Protein backbone atom coordinates (compact mmCIF):
# COMPACT_ATOMS: atom_id res chain seq x y z
CA MET A 1 -37.63 -27.58 -19.04
CA ARG A 2 -34.72 -26.47 -20.35
CA LYS A 3 -31.53 -28.10 -19.47
CA PRO A 4 -28.77 -25.46 -17.86
CA VAL A 5 -27.57 -23.70 -20.50
CA PRO A 6 -23.43 -24.87 -20.87
CA ALA A 7 -20.45 -22.43 -20.64
CA VAL A 8 -19.78 -20.94 -24.38
CA ARG A 9 -17.44 -23.62 -26.13
CA SER A 10 -14.32 -22.08 -28.03
CA SER A 11 -14.63 -20.73 -31.70
CA ALA A 12 -12.76 -24.07 -32.37
CA THR A 13 -15.19 -26.43 -30.87
CA LEU A 14 -18.37 -25.00 -32.48
CA SER A 15 -16.92 -25.11 -35.84
CA ALA A 16 -15.82 -28.87 -35.16
CA ALA A 17 -16.01 -30.52 -38.63
CA LEU A 18 -19.96 -31.22 -39.27
CA ALA A 19 -18.72 -32.92 -42.38
CA ALA A 20 -16.63 -35.20 -40.06
CA SER A 21 -20.07 -35.82 -38.24
CA VAL A 22 -22.86 -35.03 -40.90
CA LEU A 23 -21.32 -35.80 -43.91
CA GLY A 24 -19.16 -39.52 -42.60
CA VAL A 25 -15.90 -37.45 -43.94
CA THR A 26 -12.76 -35.32 -42.43
CA VAL A 27 -12.50 -32.60 -44.05
CA ALA A 28 -10.93 -29.69 -42.79
CA VAL A 29 -12.28 -26.47 -41.43
CA ALA A 30 -11.18 -23.50 -43.46
CA PRO A 31 -12.62 -21.01 -46.04
CA ALA A 32 -14.12 -22.32 -49.40
CA ALA A 33 -12.42 -21.25 -52.21
CA HIS A 34 -14.91 -18.85 -52.97
CA ALA A 35 -16.32 -17.65 -49.17
CA THR A 36 -16.20 -14.05 -49.03
CA PRO A 37 -15.10 -11.53 -46.46
CA PRO A 38 -17.47 -10.06 -43.94
CA ILE A 39 -19.89 -7.62 -45.24
CA GLU A 40 -19.14 -4.12 -43.69
CA THR A 41 -21.64 -1.76 -44.80
CA CYS A 42 -25.32 -2.27 -44.90
CA GLN A 43 -26.74 0.15 -47.64
CA VAL A 44 -30.64 0.51 -48.33
CA PRO A 45 -31.77 1.97 -51.32
CA GLU A 46 -35.27 4.09 -51.51
CA ASN A 47 -36.31 2.00 -54.59
CA PRO A 48 -34.13 -1.61 -54.81
CA SER A 49 -33.91 -3.77 -57.27
CA TRP A 50 -35.64 -7.11 -56.89
CA ASP A 51 -36.09 -8.12 -60.78
CA GLY A 52 -33.00 -10.44 -60.25
CA TRP A 53 -34.75 -12.51 -57.74
CA THR A 54 -36.70 -15.48 -59.77
CA ASN A 55 -40.48 -14.26 -60.08
CA TYR A 56 -42.87 -17.03 -60.07
CA SER A 57 -43.45 -17.54 -64.38
CA GLU A 58 -39.75 -18.12 -64.04
CA LEU A 59 -40.09 -20.38 -61.26
CA VAL A 60 -42.62 -22.43 -63.10
CA ARG A 61 -40.04 -22.62 -65.94
CA SER A 62 -36.89 -23.71 -63.69
CA LEU A 63 -38.49 -26.22 -61.87
CA HIS A 64 -39.78 -27.97 -65.08
CA ALA A 65 -36.65 -27.68 -66.35
CA ILE A 66 -35.06 -29.18 -63.24
CA GLU A 67 -37.86 -32.48 -63.65
CA ARG A 68 -36.73 -32.75 -67.20
CA ARG A 69 -33.09 -32.36 -66.60
CA SER A 70 -33.45 -35.15 -63.48
CA HIS A 71 -34.49 -37.97 -65.90
CA GLY A 72 -37.03 -38.95 -63.15
CA ARG A 73 -34.91 -38.07 -59.85
CA VAL A 74 -37.25 -35.34 -59.57
CA ASP A 75 -40.81 -34.82 -59.64
CA VAL A 76 -42.79 -31.64 -59.94
CA GLU A 77 -46.49 -31.35 -58.87
CA LYS A 78 -49.48 -29.30 -57.93
CA ALA A 79 -49.97 -28.53 -54.51
CA GLY A 80 -53.16 -26.32 -54.41
CA ARG A 81 -53.88 -23.15 -56.27
CA THR A 82 -53.58 -19.17 -54.71
CA THR A 83 -57.06 -17.44 -54.33
CA GLU A 84 -55.35 -15.15 -57.55
CA GLY A 85 -55.26 -18.66 -59.16
CA ARG A 86 -51.42 -19.31 -59.21
CA THR A 87 -50.60 -22.73 -59.02
CA LEU A 88 -48.47 -24.04 -55.67
CA TRP A 89 -45.80 -26.49 -56.85
CA ARG A 90 -44.08 -28.69 -54.90
CA ALA A 91 -40.76 -30.98 -55.88
CA ARG A 92 -39.64 -33.94 -54.42
CA ALA A 93 -35.81 -35.64 -54.82
CA GLY A 94 -35.02 -39.22 -53.16
CA ASN A 95 -37.16 -41.74 -52.13
CA GLY A 96 -35.66 -42.42 -48.30
CA LYS A 97 -37.39 -42.95 -45.08
CA LYS A 98 -37.13 -39.98 -43.06
CA VAL A 99 -38.73 -36.69 -44.75
CA VAL A 100 -37.42 -33.60 -44.89
CA LEU A 101 -39.68 -30.56 -45.77
CA VAL A 102 -38.88 -27.10 -47.01
CA THR A 103 -40.75 -24.49 -47.89
CA SER A 104 -40.19 -20.77 -48.76
CA ALA A 105 -41.85 -16.95 -49.37
CA ILE A 106 -44.37 -17.61 -47.24
CA HIS A 107 -43.77 -14.00 -46.84
CA GLY A 108 -43.73 -12.75 -50.72
CA ASN A 109 -40.90 -10.17 -50.08
CA GLU A 110 -38.49 -12.84 -48.46
CA ARG A 111 -36.84 -14.33 -51.51
CA THR A 112 -33.41 -16.20 -50.60
CA GLY A 113 -34.60 -19.25 -50.11
CA THR A 114 -36.59 -19.85 -53.41
CA GLU A 115 -32.84 -19.65 -55.24
CA ALA A 116 -31.63 -21.85 -52.95
CA LEU A 117 -33.83 -24.38 -53.28
CA LEU A 118 -33.88 -24.40 -56.71
CA GLN A 119 -29.84 -24.94 -56.68
CA ILE A 120 -30.66 -27.95 -54.45
CA LEU A 121 -32.95 -29.58 -56.35
CA ASN A 122 -30.92 -28.85 -59.71
CA ARG A 123 -28.35 -30.67 -57.62
CA LEU A 124 -30.49 -33.37 -56.62
CA GLY A 125 -31.59 -34.17 -59.96
CA THR A 126 -28.63 -34.21 -61.96
CA SER A 127 -24.99 -34.38 -59.61
CA GLN A 128 -23.69 -37.91 -60.19
CA ASP A 129 -20.87 -38.13 -56.93
CA ARG A 130 -21.35 -40.52 -54.27
CA HIS A 131 -23.04 -38.43 -51.44
CA THR A 132 -25.69 -37.36 -53.72
CA ARG A 133 -26.79 -40.84 -54.44
CA ALA A 134 -26.48 -41.54 -51.25
CA LEU A 135 -28.97 -38.71 -50.18
CA LEU A 136 -31.22 -40.05 -52.67
CA ARG A 137 -32.00 -43.28 -51.06
CA GLN A 138 -32.15 -42.20 -47.31
CA VAL A 139 -33.83 -39.42 -47.56
CA THR A 140 -37.30 -37.61 -49.04
CA PHE A 141 -36.67 -34.68 -49.72
CA VAL A 142 -39.90 -31.89 -51.05
CA ALA A 143 -39.42 -28.37 -51.53
CA MET A 144 -42.27 -26.06 -51.98
CA PRO A 145 -40.21 -23.12 -52.96
CA MET A 146 -42.56 -20.43 -53.29
CA VAL A 147 -45.63 -20.71 -51.27
CA ASN A 148 -47.15 -17.38 -51.55
CA PRO A 149 -46.68 -16.19 -55.11
CA ASP A 150 -49.30 -13.83 -55.15
CA GLY A 151 -47.64 -12.07 -52.60
CA GLY A 152 -44.52 -12.52 -54.13
CA GLU A 153 -45.60 -10.23 -57.20
CA LEU A 154 -46.75 -7.68 -54.74
CA ASN A 155 -43.07 -8.00 -53.30
CA ARG A 156 -44.93 -7.74 -50.35
CA ARG A 157 -45.67 -10.23 -46.78
CA ALA A 158 -48.96 -10.92 -47.03
CA ASN A 159 -50.81 -12.91 -49.22
CA VAL A 160 -53.98 -11.69 -51.22
CA ILE A 161 -57.32 -12.96 -50.19
CA SER A 162 -60.24 -10.81 -48.79
CA TRP A 163 -62.36 -11.38 -46.00
CA ASP A 164 -65.62 -11.77 -47.86
CA GLN A 165 -63.59 -14.96 -49.65
CA VAL A 166 -62.65 -16.08 -46.74
CA THR A 167 -66.48 -16.00 -45.66
CA ASP A 168 -67.15 -17.84 -48.75
CA ARG A 169 -65.07 -20.73 -48.55
CA PHE A 170 -65.99 -21.18 -44.24
CA PRO A 171 -69.88 -20.12 -44.49
CA GLN A 172 -69.60 -20.89 -41.16
CA LEU A 173 -67.86 -17.97 -39.67
CA LYS A 174 -69.82 -14.81 -41.48
CA GLY A 175 -70.65 -12.63 -38.99
CA ALA A 176 -67.73 -13.42 -36.51
CA PRO A 177 -64.50 -10.64 -36.10
CA LYS A 178 -61.88 -11.16 -38.85
CA ALA A 179 -59.12 -13.69 -37.26
CA TRP A 180 -56.61 -10.99 -35.84
CA TYR A 181 -53.77 -11.87 -38.44
CA HIS A 182 -55.82 -10.70 -41.21
CA SER A 183 -55.29 -6.90 -42.59
CA GLU A 184 -56.74 -5.01 -45.31
CA SER A 185 -53.57 -4.02 -47.04
CA GLY A 186 -49.76 -4.20 -46.08
CA ASP A 187 -46.30 -3.18 -47.67
CA GLY A 188 -48.01 -0.24 -49.30
CA VAL A 189 -50.41 -2.33 -51.09
CA ALA A 190 -53.92 -1.80 -50.65
CA LYS A 191 -55.30 -5.24 -50.74
CA PRO A 192 -56.43 -7.40 -47.89
CA GLY A 193 -54.34 -10.45 -47.11
CA PHE A 194 -53.16 -13.10 -43.93
CA ASP A 195 -49.73 -12.84 -42.67
CA LEU A 196 -49.84 -16.42 -43.65
CA ASN A 197 -47.39 -17.80 -40.93
CA ARG A 198 -50.04 -17.20 -38.18
CA ASP A 199 -52.64 -19.67 -39.97
CA PHE A 200 -51.45 -23.17 -38.81
CA ASN A 201 -52.86 -24.92 -36.29
CA PRO A 202 -51.12 -28.04 -34.51
CA ASP A 203 -54.76 -30.07 -35.26
CA LEU A 204 -53.70 -31.09 -38.63
CA ASN A 205 -57.73 -31.65 -39.01
CA TYR A 206 -58.74 -28.52 -37.74
CA VAL A 207 -61.53 -26.77 -39.33
CA PRO A 208 -62.02 -23.05 -38.18
CA LYS A 209 -64.94 -21.76 -35.70
CA ALA A 210 -66.21 -18.87 -35.38
CA SER A 211 -66.28 -19.15 -31.89
CA ASP A 212 -62.72 -19.04 -32.05
CA LEU A 213 -62.19 -15.76 -33.70
CA PRO A 214 -60.11 -13.39 -33.54
CA GLY A 215 -57.89 -14.99 -31.82
CA GLU A 216 -54.23 -13.72 -30.77
CA GLN A 217 -50.93 -13.85 -31.39
CA THR A 218 -50.20 -16.50 -28.99
CA ASP A 219 -52.61 -18.85 -30.32
CA ALA A 220 -53.18 -21.45 -33.07
CA GLY A 221 -53.82 -20.09 -36.38
CA PHE A 222 -57.39 -21.59 -38.36
CA PHE A 223 -56.29 -22.57 -42.11
CA LEU A 224 -57.86 -19.63 -43.34
CA SER A 225 -55.69 -19.34 -46.97
CA PRO A 226 -55.13 -21.78 -49.39
CA GLU A 227 -51.57 -21.52 -49.06
CA SER A 228 -51.24 -22.31 -45.72
CA ARG A 229 -53.65 -25.62 -46.33
CA ALA A 230 -51.92 -26.90 -49.14
CA ILE A 231 -48.48 -26.72 -46.84
CA ARG A 232 -50.54 -28.42 -44.06
CA ASP A 233 -51.96 -30.87 -46.96
CA THR A 234 -48.71 -31.90 -48.31
CA TYR A 235 -47.48 -32.26 -44.66
CA VAL A 236 -50.39 -34.77 -43.71
CA GLN A 237 -50.04 -36.76 -47.06
CA LEU A 238 -45.98 -37.54 -46.47
CA ARG A 239 -46.64 -38.56 -42.99
CA ARG A 240 -49.63 -40.89 -44.22
CA GLU A 241 -47.14 -42.00 -47.31
CA LYS A 242 -43.59 -42.20 -44.79
CA GLY A 243 -45.32 -42.42 -40.94
CA GLN A 244 -43.59 -38.85 -40.22
CA VAL A 245 -42.24 -35.85 -41.49
CA GLU A 246 -38.74 -35.89 -39.72
CA ALA A 247 -37.46 -32.54 -40.31
CA TYR A 248 -39.35 -28.97 -41.33
CA ILE A 249 -37.38 -25.64 -42.62
CA ASP A 250 -38.83 -22.78 -42.84
CA LEU A 251 -36.95 -19.77 -45.10
CA HIS A 252 -37.61 -16.05 -44.40
CA HIS A 253 -35.65 -12.84 -44.02
CA MET A 254 -35.59 -10.24 -40.99
CA GLY A 255 -34.20 -6.98 -40.58
CA PRO A 256 -31.42 -5.27 -42.85
CA CYS A 257 -28.80 -4.05 -40.10
CA ASP A 258 -28.42 -6.41 -37.26
CA ARG A 259 -25.16 -7.22 -36.18
CA LEU A 260 -23.44 -9.88 -34.36
CA THR A 261 -22.86 -8.98 -30.72
CA SER A 262 -20.71 -12.18 -29.66
CA GLY A 263 -18.45 -14.68 -32.27
CA PRO A 264 -15.92 -14.60 -33.75
CA GLN A 265 -17.57 -12.18 -35.85
CA ALA A 266 -19.17 -9.84 -33.24
CA GLY A 267 -19.56 -6.45 -34.49
CA LYS A 268 -20.36 -7.73 -37.87
CA LEU A 269 -23.59 -7.34 -39.79
CA ILE A 270 -25.63 -10.95 -39.40
CA SER A 271 -26.27 -13.16 -42.63
CA ALA A 272 -28.67 -15.24 -41.15
CA ALA A 273 -30.23 -16.38 -38.23
CA ILE A 274 -31.76 -19.78 -36.97
CA ASP A 275 -34.34 -20.62 -34.40
CA TYR A 276 -36.37 -23.57 -33.19
CA PRO A 277 -39.87 -23.26 -32.03
CA PRO A 278 -40.88 -20.27 -30.02
CA LEU A 279 -43.88 -22.11 -27.93
CA GLY A 280 -43.10 -19.84 -24.87
CA VAL A 281 -42.00 -20.76 -21.47
CA GLU A 282 -40.11 -24.19 -20.11
CA ASP A 283 -39.75 -24.89 -23.67
CA GLY A 284 -43.55 -25.22 -24.63
CA ALA A 285 -44.37 -26.67 -21.38
CA LYS A 286 -48.29 -25.75 -21.35
CA TYR A 287 -48.18 -27.75 -24.59
CA LYS A 288 -46.92 -31.32 -23.46
CA LYS A 289 -49.61 -33.09 -22.35
CA ASP A 290 -52.21 -32.36 -25.18
CA TRP A 291 -48.79 -32.89 -27.73
CA PRO A 292 -46.83 -35.35 -26.28
CA LYS A 293 -44.41 -35.73 -29.50
CA LEU A 294 -43.07 -31.94 -29.01
CA ASP A 295 -39.00 -31.88 -29.30
CA GLN A 296 -37.46 -29.11 -28.64
CA ASP A 297 -34.26 -30.15 -28.51
CA LYS A 298 -34.70 -32.21 -31.65
CA SER A 299 -35.44 -28.68 -33.32
CA ARG A 300 -32.30 -27.74 -31.74
CA ARG A 301 -29.98 -30.05 -32.63
CA TYR A 302 -31.10 -29.47 -36.03
CA ALA A 303 -30.72 -26.01 -36.49
CA LEU A 304 -27.13 -26.80 -35.02
CA ALA A 305 -26.65 -29.05 -37.64
CA ALA A 306 -26.84 -26.09 -39.86
CA ALA A 307 -24.96 -24.02 -38.08
CA LYS A 308 -21.88 -26.45 -38.40
CA GLY A 309 -22.34 -27.18 -41.72
CA ILE A 310 -22.01 -23.71 -42.50
CA TYR A 311 -18.95 -22.99 -40.28
CA GLY A 312 -17.17 -26.48 -41.55
CA LYS A 313 -17.82 -25.35 -45.27
CA TYR A 314 -16.71 -21.43 -44.98
CA GLY A 315 -14.97 -21.05 -41.53
CA MET A 316 -15.65 -18.85 -38.53
CA ASN A 317 -14.81 -15.56 -40.45
CA GLN A 318 -16.96 -15.65 -43.89
CA ALA A 319 -19.53 -13.50 -44.72
CA GLU A 320 -21.46 -16.80 -44.97
CA SER A 321 -21.02 -17.82 -41.92
CA ALA A 322 -21.85 -14.81 -40.19
CA ILE A 323 -24.92 -16.50 -38.53
CA GLY A 324 -26.57 -16.19 -35.39
CA ARG A 325 -29.63 -17.43 -33.10
CA TYR A 326 -32.86 -15.84 -34.14
CA VAL A 327 -34.54 -13.68 -31.56
CA HIS A 328 -36.06 -15.64 -28.76
CA PRO A 329 -36.50 -14.63 -25.62
CA ASP A 330 -37.94 -17.45 -23.43
CA GLU A 331 -41.53 -16.58 -23.14
CA ARG A 332 -41.92 -15.84 -27.01
CA GLU A 333 -44.51 -17.54 -27.92
CA TYR A 334 -45.99 -18.09 -31.48
CA ALA A 335 -48.37 -21.18 -31.52
CA GLY A 336 -49.62 -20.28 -35.19
CA GLN A 337 -46.50 -20.27 -36.83
CA GLY A 338 -45.66 -23.43 -39.09
CA ARG A 339 -42.55 -24.41 -37.43
CA SER A 340 -44.95 -24.81 -34.35
CA ALA A 341 -47.47 -26.55 -35.35
CA LEU A 342 -45.38 -29.00 -37.10
CA ALA A 343 -43.10 -29.11 -33.98
CA LEU A 344 -46.32 -30.13 -31.81
CA ASN A 345 -46.73 -33.65 -34.22
CA GLY A 346 -43.03 -34.47 -33.42
CA THR A 347 -41.14 -32.84 -36.43
CA GLY A 348 -37.99 -31.23 -36.06
CA THR A 349 -38.72 -27.64 -37.31
CA VAL A 350 -35.80 -25.41 -37.88
CA LEU A 351 -36.22 -21.58 -38.77
CA PHE A 352 -33.69 -19.25 -41.06
CA GLU A 353 -34.00 -15.60 -41.14
CA VAL A 354 -31.35 -14.24 -43.95
CA ARG A 355 -30.67 -10.60 -43.61
CA GLY A 356 -32.71 -7.76 -45.41
CA GLN A 357 -36.10 -8.01 -47.49
CA SER A 358 -35.87 -8.06 -51.19
CA ASP A 359 -38.05 -4.65 -50.90
CA ASP A 360 -35.13 -2.92 -48.73
CA LEU A 361 -31.66 -4.72 -49.75
CA GLY A 362 -32.86 -5.44 -53.35
CA GLU A 363 -30.46 -7.98 -54.32
CA GLN A 364 -27.79 -6.90 -52.26
CA HIS A 365 -25.63 -9.84 -50.81
CA LYS A 366 -27.73 -12.51 -52.57
CA GLU A 367 -25.25 -14.53 -53.26
CA VAL A 368 -23.66 -14.65 -49.86
CA PHE A 369 -27.31 -15.24 -48.50
CA THR A 370 -28.39 -17.75 -51.29
CA ALA A 371 -24.93 -19.90 -50.32
CA THR A 372 -25.76 -19.60 -46.62
CA VAL A 373 -29.36 -20.64 -46.95
CA ARG A 374 -28.13 -23.53 -49.12
CA THR A 375 -25.32 -24.84 -47.13
CA GLY A 376 -27.67 -24.94 -43.40
CA VAL A 377 -30.21 -26.82 -45.18
CA GLU A 378 -28.40 -29.39 -47.42
CA SER A 379 -26.21 -29.73 -43.97
CA ILE A 380 -29.60 -30.50 -41.93
CA MET A 381 -30.67 -32.95 -44.92
CA THR A 382 -27.24 -34.91 -44.41
CA GLY A 383 -27.25 -34.55 -40.73
CA VAL A 384 -31.06 -36.32 -41.19
CA ALA A 385 -29.71 -38.68 -43.40
CA THR A 386 -26.77 -40.15 -41.67
CA GLY A 387 -28.35 -39.41 -37.95
CA ALA A 388 -25.52 -37.63 -37.29
CA ALA A 389 -27.92 -34.27 -36.63
CA ASP A 390 -29.32 -36.56 -33.73
CA ARG A 391 -26.16 -37.21 -32.04
CA LEU A 392 -25.42 -33.56 -32.22
CA ASP A 393 -25.82 -31.87 -28.07
CA GLY A 394 -28.85 -29.41 -28.66
CA ASP A 395 -27.80 -27.54 -25.77
CA GLU A 396 -24.83 -26.58 -27.89
CA PHE A 397 -27.28 -24.44 -29.72
CA PHE A 398 -27.58 -21.49 -27.02
CA THR A 399 -23.55 -21.07 -27.47
CA LEU A 400 -24.26 -19.62 -30.82
CA PRO A 401 -23.87 -15.74 -31.50
CA THR A 402 -26.74 -13.58 -30.57
CA TYR A 403 -27.44 -9.80 -32.23
CA GLY A 404 -28.29 -7.72 -29.59
CA TRP A 405 -31.03 -9.12 -28.39
CA ASP A 406 -31.13 -10.19 -24.50
CA ALA A 407 -30.75 -14.09 -24.42
CA PRO A 408 -32.56 -16.21 -22.43
CA LYS A 409 -30.61 -16.37 -18.89
CA PRO A 410 -29.40 -20.12 -17.85
């Protein structure tokens, strides 16, 4: 059971420098020189442009260019292949014992994370500062910056795969009902596919069974798509090599016009929301017998590390710092999400939800959102590297602002 929620702390306490507690140095909590004022309007164009986001072919070129510039610091390799034949890529930097795995664009129209990960990889591959070199010694950072390129090329949420293609791969499923998270079309595109972020199972050796179908929202998924299997295989390989994957961060987008309802930016448009695994009542109590490694407090500590890092860099009143808790009533349960399945295996997992998919906001506020995500990911990575994130009070996560949903009562 979750511990009682403490009284809300002051903004000064909440923004106390993660640069001191995580970065290991004393840094004043003040807006960065390039910080931007809060965003005042939310305009959703009828046909927003998304050409400014990195597409698949540009991603491939960028990853290999980073690899070349890094002179051996960044290693880019194939992780799998989509149904439409696109290679799934992962990039690795550092060789420390603590593994941080990050995925982005599992929903194809959610693109900010790709930009942030390319920037992080470039920094890890080329920066000569002492902090970066220390990170590379302490952490193994693995990024999968576009895990649904088929959906991305269509600017839609789902991947592309027909149920017949699924049963060709898994003939034991012929005649069974379709998985509940498979659709014949999506986002105005008449092609079948999955919501990939429902296709995960905590049993990393799970083989799809006809008797488990169609399943439902609260159930684990079935690893039916090549993209989810590529993420699982990467996780398993890292765990086999290092013994444990310490942190998993999943980068997403949310609705376009939500406003914070508490905190110093109450009434302002949210830039990003963060969360820990949604595993039902009493912090996933029903899972703990079969999955004793589940540590919800660790996930909250890592999410809090991201928030404090953002506040410490930008201050409390800049657009980059308009962050809150993602919608998470106590009963919310999605066992088939990647962050849930990997948390049940003992990994601390964090969700980032940036405001507005590319098919509603287009490229609006791209720089602000990318800066928020990049800083949050880097703060988690640094907190894991130094151990500072594990010294945070996970219950302080509950003092972060909400954005209009009913927060669970203590």
